[in-house]
C-alpha atoms as a PDB file:
ATOM      1  CA  MET A   1       0.012  -0.104   0.042  1.00  0.00           C
ATOM      2  CA  PRO A   2       1.052   3.431  -0.619  1.00  0.00           C
ATOM      3  CA  PRO A   3       2.302   5.779   2.192  1.00  0.00           C
ATOM      4  CA  ARG A   4       0.037   7.963   3.865  1.00  0.00           C
ATOM      5  CA  GLN A   5       0.376  11.194   5.357  1.00  0.00           C
ATOM      6  CA  THR A   6      -1.438  12.739   7.964  1.00  0.00           C
ATOM      7  CA  LEU A   7      -1.469  15.096  11.149  1.00  0.00           C
ATOM      8  CA  ALA A   8      -0.886  13.040  14.015  1.00  0.00           C
ATOM      9  CA  LEU A   9      -0.284  13.422  17.919  1.00  0.00           C
ATOM     10  CA  ILE A  10       1.929  11.374  19.635  1.00  0.00           C
ATOM     11  CA  LEU A  11       0.806   9.456  22.229  1.00  0.00           C
ATOM     12  CA  LYS A  12       3.679   7.109  23.494  1.00  0.00           C
ATOM     13  CA  THR A  13       7.257   5.930  22.531  1.00  0.00           C
ATOM     14  CA  GLN A  14       9.357   3.087  23.148  1.00  0.00           C
ATOM     15  CA  ASP A  15      12.946   2.462  22.237  1.00  0.00           C
ATOM     16  CA  TYR A  16      13.130  -0.929  20.256  1.00  0.00           C
ATOM     17  CA  GLY A  17      15.894  -3.007  19.774  1.00  0.00           C
ATOM     18  CA  GLU A  18      19.281  -1.004  19.515  1.00  0.00           C
ATOM     19  CA  ALA A  19      18.137   1.918  17.092  1.00  0.00           C
ATOM     20  CA  ASP A  20      14.494   1.634  16.543  1.00  0.00           C
ATOM     21  CA  ARG A  21      11.483   3.281  18.257  1.00  0.00           C
ATOM     22  CA  LEU A  22       7.866   2.029  18.512  1.00  0.00           C
ATOM     23  CA  VAL A  23       5.684   4.760  18.248  1.00  0.00           C
ATOM     24  CA  VAL A  24       1.862   5.238  19.163  1.00  0.00           C
ATOM     25  CA  PHE A  25      -0.130   7.895  17.651  1.00  0.00           C
ATOM     26  CA  LEU A  26      -3.459   9.327  17.198  1.00  0.00           C
ATOM     27  CA  THR A  27      -4.776  10.241  13.786  1.00  0.00           C
ATOM     28  CA  PRO A  28      -7.837  12.068  12.661  1.00  0.00           C
ATOM     29  CA  ASP A  29      -8.959   9.520  10.389  1.00  0.00           C
ATOM     30  CA  GLU A  30      -7.265   6.055  11.202  1.00  0.00           C
ATOM     31  CA  GLY A  31      -7.345   6.512  14.929  1.00  0.00           C
ATOM     32  CA  ARG A  32      -4.599   5.100  16.835  1.00  0.00           C
ATOM     33  CA  VAL A  33      -1.771   3.595  14.820  1.00  0.00           C
ATOM     34  CA  THR A  34       1.083   1.678  16.354  1.00  0.00           C
ATOM     35  CA  ALA A  35       4.265   2.163  14.045  1.00  0.00           C
ATOM     36  CA  LEU A  36       7.935   1.036  14.077  1.00  0.00           C
ATOM     37  CA  ALA A  37      10.229   3.958  13.429  1.00  0.00           C
ATOM     38  CA  LYS A  38      13.312   2.340  12.035  1.00  0.00           C
ATOM     39  CA  HIS A  39      16.519   3.472  13.129  1.00  0.00           C
ATOM     40  CA  ALA A  40      14.645   6.654  14.803  1.00  0.00           C
ATOM     41  CA  ARG A  41      17.261   6.756  17.849  1.00  0.00           C
ATOM     42  CA  LYS A  42      20.179   7.724  14.813  1.00  0.00           C
ATOM     43  CA  SER A  43      18.325   9.507  12.170  1.00  0.00           C
ATOM     44  CA  LYS A  44      17.933  13.147  12.729  1.00  0.00           C
ATOM     45  CA  ARG A  45      17.101  13.892   9.445  1.00  0.00           C
ATOM     46  CA  ARG A  46      13.729  11.619   9.131  1.00  0.00           C
ATOM     47  CA  PHE A  47      12.472  12.280  12.626  1.00  0.00           C
ATOM     48  CA  ALA A  48      14.070  15.391  14.081  1.00  0.00           C
ATOM     49  CA  ASN A  49      12.404  16.363  17.520  1.00  0.00           C
ATOM     50  CA  CYS A  50       9.289  15.088  16.722  1.00  0.00           C
ATOM     51  CA  LEU A  51       8.632  11.769  18.494  1.00  0.00           C
ATOM     52  CA  GLU A  52       8.461  13.020  21.983  1.00  0.00           C
ATOM     53  CA  PRO A  53       4.721  12.198  23.707  1.00  0.00           C
ATOM     54  CA  PHE A  54       2.440  15.032  23.033  1.00  0.00           C
ATOM     55  CA  SER A  55       3.977  16.246  20.146  1.00  0.00           C
ATOM     56  CA  LEU A  56       1.983  17.356  17.148  1.00  0.00           C
ATOM     57  CA  VAL A  57       3.555  15.983  13.900  1.00  0.00           C
ATOM     58  CA  GLN A  58       3.166  15.546   9.777  1.00  0.00           C
ATOM     59  CA  ALA A  59       3.764  11.494   9.889  1.00  0.00           C
ATOM     60  CA  ILE A  60       3.499   9.642   6.784  1.00  0.00           C
ATOM     61  CA  TYR A  61       3.403   5.798   7.365  1.00  0.00           C
ATOM     62  CA  THR A  62       3.217   2.741   5.662  1.00  0.00           C
ATOM     63  CA  ALA A  63       0.455   0.038   7.067  1.00  0.00           C
ATOM     64  CA  LYS A  64      -0.148  -3.250   5.380  1.00  0.00           C
ATOM     65  CA  PRO A  65      -3.409  -5.114   5.931  1.00  0.00           C
ATOM     66  CA  ASN A  66      -3.429  -8.095   8.119  1.00  0.00           C
ATOM     67  CA  LEU A  67      -0.329  -6.328   9.983  1.00  0.00           C
ATOM     68  CA  GLU A  68      -0.511  -4.628  13.285  1.00  0.00           C
ATOM     69  CA  LEU A  69       2.687  -2.711  13.152  1.00  0.00           C
ATOM     70  CA  ALA A  70       2.873  -0.008  10.588  1.00  0.00           C
ATOM     71  CA  ARG A  71       6.169   1.912   9.459  1.00  0.00           C
ATOM     72  CA  LEU A  72       6.454   5.624  10.339  1.00  0.00           C
ATOM     73  CA  ASP A  73       8.853   6.440   7.378  1.00  0.00           C
ATOM     74  CA  ARG A  74       9.016  10.417   8.313  1.00  0.00           C
ATOM     75  CA  GLY A  75       7.621  12.958  10.789  1.00  0.00           C
ATOM     76  CA  GLU A  76       8.000  16.319  10.475  1.00  0.00           C
ATOM     77  CA  LEU A  77       7.191  18.537  14.052  1.00  0.00           C
ATOM     78  CA  VAL A  78       4.414  20.927  13.615  1.00  0.00           C
ATOM     79  CA  GLU A  79       4.060  21.602  17.383  1.00  0.00           C
ATOM     80  CA  ALA A  80       6.267  20.296  20.300  1.00  0.00           C
ATOM     81  CA  PHE A  81       3.851  22.236  23.424  1.00  0.00           C
ATOM     82  CA  PRO A  82       7.041  22.648  25.433  1.00  0.00           C
ATOM     83  CA  GLU A  83       5.175  24.494  28.217  1.00  0.00           C
ATOM     84  CA  LEU A  84       3.304  21.254  28.929  1.00  0.00           C
ATOM     85  CA  ARG A  85       6.467  20.583  30.690  1.00  0.00           C
ATOM     86  CA  ARG A  86       7.150  23.290  32.963  1.00  0.00           C
ATOM     87  CA  SER A  87       4.825  22.350  35.624  1.00  0.00           C
ATOM     88  CA  LEU A  88       3.760  18.661  37.171  1.00  0.00           C
ATOM     89  CA  ASP A  89      -0.087  20.057  36.977  1.00  0.00           C
ATOM     90  CA  THR A  90       0.100  20.352  32.998  1.00  0.00           C
ATOM     91  CA  LEU A  91       2.179  17.298  32.717  1.00  0.00           C
ATOM     92  CA  ALA A  92      -0.111  15.259  34.589  1.00  0.00           C
ATOM     93  CA  ALA A  93      -2.998  16.526  32.944  1.00  0.00           C
ATOM     94  CA  ALA A  94      -1.577  15.971  29.328  1.00  0.00           C
ATOM     95  CA  ALA A  95      -0.593  12.615  30.273  1.00  0.00           C
ATOM     96  CA  CYS A  96      -4.035  11.383  31.654  1.00  0.00           C
ATOM     97  CA  LEU A  97      -5.478  13.018  28.438  1.00  0.00           C
ATOM     98  CA  THR A  98      -3.146  11.059  25.730  1.00  0.00           C
ATOM     99  CA  GLU A  99      -3.432   8.025  27.929  1.00  0.00           C
ATOM    100  CA  THR A 100      -7.402   8.010  28.281  1.00  0.00           C
ATOM    101  CA  ALA A 101      -7.489   9.096  24.560  1.00  0.00           C
ATOM    102  CA  MET A 102      -5.111   5.987  23.524  1.00  0.00           C
ATOM    103  CA  GLU A 103      -6.995   3.645  25.608  1.00  0.00           C
ATOM    104  CA  ILE A 104     -10.619   4.494  24.787  1.00  0.00           C
ATOM    105  CA  VAL A 105     -10.275   5.231  21.212  1.00  0.00           C
ATOM    106  CA  GLY A 106     -12.012   2.376  18.513  1.00  0.00           C
ATOM    107  CA  ALA A 107     -14.051   1.842  15.840  1.00  0.00           C
ATOM    108  CA  ILE A 108     -15.920   4.978  16.104  1.00  0.00           C
ATOM    109  CA  ASP A 109     -17.188   7.225  13.472  1.00  0.00           C
ATOM    110  CA  ASN A 110     -15.981  10.601  15.316  1.00  0.00           C
ATOM    111  CA  LEU A 111     -12.249  10.429  15.007  1.00  0.00           C
ATOM    112  CA  ALA A 112     -12.040  13.370  13.714  1.00  0.00           C
ATOM    113  CA  GLU A 113     -13.650  15.130  16.560  1.00  0.00           C
ATOM    114  CA  LEU A 114     -12.123  13.082  19.291  1.00  0.00           C
ATOM    115  CA  PHE A 115      -8.785  14.176  17.734  1.00  0.00           C
ATOM    116  CA  ALA A 116      -9.701  17.555  17.695  1.00  0.00           C
ATOM    117  CA  ALA A 117     -10.708  17.670  21.001  1.00  0.00           C
ATOM    118  CA  LEU A 118      -7.469  16.296  22.462  1.00  0.00           C
ATOM    119  CA  GLN A 119      -5.428  18.952  20.289  1.00  0.00           C
ATOM    120  CA  SER A 120      -7.217  21.587  21.825  1.00  0.00           C
ATOM    121  CA  SER A 121      -6.828  20.065  25.480  1.00  0.00           C
ATOM    122  CA  LEU A 122      -3.030  20.386  24.954  1.00  0.00           C
ATOM    123  CA  THR A 123      -2.899  23.541  23.545  1.00  0.00           C
ATOM    124  CA  HIS A 124      -5.037  24.926  26.521  1.00  0.00           C
ATOM    125  CA  LEU A 125      -2.910  23.327  28.675  1.00  0.00           C
ATOM    126  CA  ALA A 126      -0.101  24.993  27.133  1.00  0.00           C
ATOM    127  CA  THR A 127      -1.566  28.383  27.798  1.00  0.00           C
ATOM    128  CA  GLY A 128      -1.265  28.094  31.445  1.00  0.00           C
ATOM    129  CA  LEU A 129      -5.274  27.791  32.256  1.00  0.00           C
ATOM    130  CA  PRO A 130      -6.081  26.059  35.512  1.00  0.00           C
ATOM    131  CA  SER A 131      -5.038  22.529  34.758  1.00  0.00           C
ATOM    132  CA  TRP A 132      -7.346  19.963  36.759  1.00  0.00           C
ATOM    133  CA  SER A 133     -10.259  22.044  35.459  1.00  0.00           C
ATOM    134  CA  LEU A 134      -9.190  21.526  31.828  1.00  0.00           C
ATOM    135  CA  LEU A 135      -8.742  18.049  32.980  1.00  0.00           C
ATOM    136  CA  CYS A 136     -11.947  17.307  34.332  1.00  0.00           C
ATOM    137  CA  SER A 137     -14.132  19.335  31.123  1.00  0.00           C
ATOM    138  CA  TYR A 138     -11.569  17.296  27.984  1.00  0.00           C
ATOM    139  CA  LEU A 139     -11.916  14.259  30.031  1.00  0.00           C
ATOM    140  CA  ILE A 140     -15.491  14.144  29.992  1.00  0.00           C
ATOM    141  CA  ARG A 141     -15.584  15.142  26.199  1.00  0.00           C
ATOM    142  CA  LEU A 142     -13.308  12.098  25.236  1.00  0.00           C
ATOM    143  CA  LEU A 143     -15.073   9.779  26.782  1.00  0.00           C
ATOM    144  CA  ALA A 144     -18.620  11.173  25.353  1.00  0.00           C
ATOM    145  CA  LEU A 145     -16.785  11.225  21.904  1.00  0.00           C
ATOM    146  CA  ALA A 146     -15.774   7.776  22.316  1.00  0.00           C
ATOM    147  CA  GLY A 147     -19.270   6.273  22.745  1.00  0.00           C
ATOM    148  CA  TYR A 148     -19.157   6.504  26.775  1.00  0.00           C
ATOM    149  CA  GLY A 149     -21.349   8.927  28.108  1.00  0.00           C
ATOM    150  CA  PRO A 150     -23.001   8.085  31.731  1.00  0.00           C
ATOM    151  CA  SER A 151     -26.180   9.130  32.416  1.00  0.00           C
ATOM    152  CA  TRP A 152     -26.023  12.583  34.516  1.00  0.00           C
ATOM    153  CA  GLN A 153     -29.676  13.196  34.905  1.00  0.00           C
ATOM    154  CA  THR A 154     -32.067  10.714  35.495  1.00  0.00           C
ATOM    155  CA  CYS A 155     -31.982   8.263  38.647  1.00  0.00           C
ATOM    156  CA  GLN A 156     -31.000   4.508  37.148  1.00  0.00           C
ATOM    157  CA  VAL A 157     -33.425   3.354  39.691  1.00  0.00           C
ATOM    158  CA  CYS A 158     -36.581   5.233  39.750  1.00  0.00           C
ATOM    159  CA  ARG A 159     -35.662   6.637  35.924  1.00  0.00           C
ATOM    160  CA  ARG A 160     -36.577  10.438  37.371  1.00  0.00           C
ATOM    161  CA  ASN A 161     -34.534  13.707  36.988  1.00  0.00           C
ATOM    162  CA  THR A 162     -33.393  14.857  40.044  1.00  0.00           C
ATOM    163  CA  ASP A 163     -31.635  18.363  41.173  1.00  0.00           C
ATOM    164  CA  GLY A 164     -30.084  17.297  44.643  1.00  0.00           C
ATOM    165  CA  LEU A 165     -27.163  15.672  45.287  1.00  0.00           C
ATOM    166  CA  VAL A 166     -26.680  12.349  44.063  1.00  0.00           C
ATOM    167  CA  TRP A 167     -24.034   9.440  43.825  1.00  0.00           C
ATOM    168  CA  PHE A 168     -22.868   8.075  40.873  1.00  0.00           C
ATOM    169  CA  SER A 169     -22.619   4.303  40.441  1.00  0.00           C
ATOM    170  CA  LEU A 170     -20.401   2.454  38.600  1.00  0.00           C
ATOM    171  CA  ASN A 171     -22.352  -0.627  38.484  1.00  0.00           C
ATOM    172  CA  LYS A 172     -25.137   0.890  36.907  1.00  0.00           C
ATOM    173  CA  GLY A 173     -23.302   3.367  34.615  1.00  0.00           C
ATOM    174  CA  GLY A 174     -25.277   6.418  36.143  1.00  0.00           C
ATOM    175  CA  ILE A 175     -26.382   8.654  39.030  1.00  0.00           C
ATOM    176  CA  VAL A 176     -28.826   7.343  41.628  1.00  0.00           C
ATOM    177  CA  CYS A 177     -30.930   9.398  43.682  1.00  0.00           C
ATOM    178  CA  SER A 178     -31.170  10.013  47.586  1.00  0.00           C
ATOM    179  CA  SER A 179     -34.174   7.898  47.779  1.00  0.00           C
ATOM    180  CA  CYS A 180     -33.006   5.081  45.796  1.00  0.00           C
ATOM    181  CA  LEU A 181     -29.491   4.873  47.419  1.00  0.00           C
ATOM    182  CA  GLY A 182     -30.905   2.049  49.674  1.00  0.00           C
ATOM    183  CA  GLN A 183     -31.020   0.084  46.618  1.00  0.00           C
ATOM    184  CA  SER A 184     -27.805   0.548  45.853  1.00  0.00           C
ATOM    185  CA  GLN A 185     -25.638  -0.840  49.454  1.00  0.00           C
ATOM    186  CA  GLY A 186     -22.122  -2.745  48.273  1.00  0.00           C
ATOM    187  CA  GLU A 187     -21.877  -0.680  45.638  1.00  0.00           C
ATOM    188  CA  ARG A 188     -18.998   1.748  44.770  1.00  0.00           C
ATOM    189  CA  LEU A 189     -20.949   4.993  45.040  1.00  0.00           C
ATOM    190  CA  TYR A 190     -19.144   8.728  44.737  1.00  0.00           C
ATOM    191  CA  PRO A 191     -21.014  11.941  45.722  1.00  0.00           C
ATOM    192  CA  LEU A 192     -21.709  14.517  43.091  1.00  0.00           C
ATOM    193  CA  HIS A 193     -23.186  17.925  44.102  1.00  0.00           C
ATOM    194  CA  PRO A 194     -25.324  19.506  41.989  1.00  0.00           C
ATOM    195  CA  GLY A 195     -22.690  22.517  40.744  1.00  0.00           C
ATOM    196  CA  ALA A 196     -20.558  19.663  39.573  1.00  0.00           C
ATOM    197  CA  ARG A 197     -23.016  17.709  37.894  1.00  0.00           C
ATOM    198  CA  LYS A 198     -24.252  20.909  35.902  1.00  0.00           C
ATOM    199  CA  LEU A 199     -20.508  21.492  34.752  1.00  0.00           C
ATOM    200  CA  ILE A 200     -20.142  18.049  33.361  1.00  0.00           C
ATOM    201  CA  LEU A 201     -23.369  18.083  31.744  1.00  0.00           C
ATOM    202  CA  ALA A 202     -21.503  21.348  30.312  1.00  0.00           C
ATOM    203  CA  ALA A 203     -18.720  19.576  29.516  1.00  0.00           C
ATOM    204  CA  GLN A 204     -20.473  17.236  27.338  1.00  0.00           C
ATOM    205  CA  ARG A 205     -22.536  19.448  25.267  1.00  0.00           C
ATOM    206  CA  LEU A 206     -20.461  23.094  24.927  1.00  0.00           C
ATOM    207  CA  PRO A 207     -18.860  23.967  21.515  1.00  0.00           C
ATOM    208  CA  LEU A 208     -15.515  22.749  21.552  1.00  0.00           C
ATOM    209  CA  GLU A 209     -14.104  26.367  21.368  1.00  0.00           C
ATOM    210  CA  ASN A 210     -16.368  27.254  24.442  1.00  0.00           C
ATOM    211  CA  LEU A 211     -15.190  24.260  26.504  1.00  0.00           C
ATOM    212  CA  PRO A 212     -11.826  26.011  27.944  1.00  0.00           C
ATOM    213  CA  ARG A 213     -14.026  28.416  29.788  1.00  0.00           C
ATOM    214  CA  LEU A 214     -15.614  26.236  31.856  1.00  0.00           C
ATOM    215  CA  ARG A 215     -14.120  26.312  35.815  1.00  0.00           C
ATOM    216  CA  PHE A 216     -14.587  23.373  38.412  1.00  0.00           C
ATOM    217  CA  PRO A 217     -13.799  24.652  41.766  1.00  0.00           C
ATOM    218  CA  GLU A 218     -12.091  22.231  44.057  1.00  0.00           C
ATOM    219  CA  LEU A 219     -14.905  20.373  45.060  1.00  0.00           C
ATOM    220  CA  ALA A 220     -16.275  19.900  41.687  1.00  0.00           C
ATOM    221  CA  GLN A 221     -12.849  18.664  40.791  1.00  0.00           C
ATOM    222  CA  LYS A 222     -12.110  16.414  43.660  1.00  0.00           C
ATOM    223  CA  GLU A 223     -15.740  14.720  42.722  1.00  0.00           C
ATOM    224  CA  THR A 224     -15.611  14.523  39.005  1.00  0.00           C
ATOM    225  CA  LEU A 225     -11.775  13.364  38.967  1.00  0.00           C
ATOM    226  CA  ALA A 226     -12.622  10.295  41.402  1.00  0.00           C
ATOM    227  CA  LEU A 227     -15.468   9.348  39.624  1.00  0.00           C
ATOM    228  CA  LEU A 228     -14.263   9.230  36.465  1.00  0.00           C
ATOM    229  CA  ASN A 229     -10.922   7.164  37.624  1.00  0.00           C
ATOM    230  CA  GLY A 230     -13.465   4.635  38.660  1.00  0.00           C
ATOM    231  CA  PHE A 231     -15.355   4.949  35.709  1.00  0.00           C
ATOM    232  CA  ILE A 232     -12.261   4.212  33.112  1.00  0.00           C
ATOM    233  CA  ARG A 233     -10.979   1.674  35.307  1.00  0.00           C
ATOM    234  CA  GLN A 234     -14.695   0.260  35.379  1.00  0.00           C
ATOM    235  CA  ILE A 235     -14.640  -0.015  31.318  1.00  0.00           C
ATOM    236  CA  LEU A 236     -11.157  -0.764  30.609  1.00  0.00           C
ATOM    237  CA  GLY A 237     -10.469  -3.213  33.122  1.00  0.00           C
ATOM    238  CA  LYS A 238      -7.134  -1.305  34.393  1.00  0.00           C
ATOM    239  CA  GLU A 239      -5.938   1.261  36.520  1.00  0.00           C
ATOM    240  CA  LEU A 240      -4.316   4.371  34.299  1.00  0.00           C
ATOM    241  CA  LYS A 241      -0.835   4.845  35.243  1.00  0.00           C
ATOM    242  CA  SER A 242      -1.343   8.702  34.685  1.00  0.00           C
ATOM    243  CA  PHE A 243      -4.323   8.460  37.506  1.00  0.00           C
ATOM    244  CA  ASN A 244      -2.243   7.150  39.988  1.00  0.00           C
ATOM    245  CA  PHE A 245       0.359   9.761  39.592  1.00  0.00           C
ATOM    246  CA  ILE A 246      -2.187  12.526  39.523  1.00  0.00           C
ATOM    247  CA  ASP A 247      -3.642  11.354  42.851  1.00  0.00           C
ATOM    248  CA  THR A 248      -0.303  11.250  44.499  1.00  0.00           C
ATOM    249  CA  LEU A 249       0.142  14.604  43.012  1.00  0.00           C
ATOM    250  CA  ARG A 250      -2.733  16.151  44.233  1.00  0.00           C
ATOM    251  CA  ASN A 251      -2.689  14.591  47.742  1.00  0.00           C
ATOM    252  CA  PHE A 252       0.963  16.171  48.263  1.00  0.00           C
ATOM    253  CA  GLN A 253      -0.103  19.437  47.045  1.00  0.00           C
ATOM    254  CA  LYS A 254      -2.998  19.392  49.734  1.00  0.00           C
ATOM    255  CA  ARG A 255      -0.523  18.787  52.590  1.00  0.00           C
ATOM    256  CA  SER A 256       1.732  21.019  51.577  1.00  0.00           C
ATOM    257  CA  THR A 257      -0.880  23.589  51.835  1.00  0.00           C
ATOM    258  CA  ASP A 258      -2.594  22.677  54.384  1.00  0.00           C
ATOM    259  CA  PRO A 259      -1.137  24.105  57.923  1.00  0.00           C
ATOM    260  CA  HIS A 260      -2.766  21.713  60.073  1.00  0.00           C
ATOM    261  CA  ALA A 261      -1.643  18.363  58.198  1.00  0.00           C
ATOM    262  CA  HIS A 262       1.256  17.718  59.982  1.00  0.00           C
ATOM    263  CA  THR A 263      -0.233  18.166  63.137  1.00  0.00           C
ATOM    264  CA  ARG A 264      -3.231  15.458  62.363  1.00  0.00           C
ATOM    265  CA  ASN A 265      -0.606  12.863  61.331  1.00  0.00           C
END
């Protein structure tokens, strides 16, 4: 088959053998592609500074039928997003978004929208906007685009809409109202206040260009990230490494800013 040329976001790289590199990248037409970049660790001409995670590149690759591994022939850097590495917050958020996209993308019809959403998330993270708030917004959008949109409005037990405090049930794939909470005993439930739920709904529905304007306050961040971590673990059957790092980082940040933390410990 002839080589294909496309915009691509680098999701993951791994050294292979003495000189090669395995590269996982996302494209707006073919989705996730895993390719072998021959002599990538020695060739500065064919892959100049373009195989770092988060990079937006023009990729030329060759894929053969019935073979899972493509061949990456050449790459040209479009945007490296170096600002993503200037703080642990932005680096962790970018890693979580790219890892999530890599795991959830499949045979879906709106690959171009998912690609645009991931590119938008990296672009706005690089501008210095609040990392955790952007992470919440774009994780919700990526999941919705991949077909993993839980029910945020209707109780999964009584099927009624509710405006108050609810709990998100992993088993039921949606919310449970206070009146039906007794019927979900023994399940892993995540509390979700009305403000957080309103922001989640907005993140699913707003035009992509307006998504960075959403601001999740601290409580909404905590609730949203906790339930999304559980939900993603449920649908994938495994824990994402980036979520573990985010939990560790946020717990450390909380302890370092809490003057009473050492006293309590």
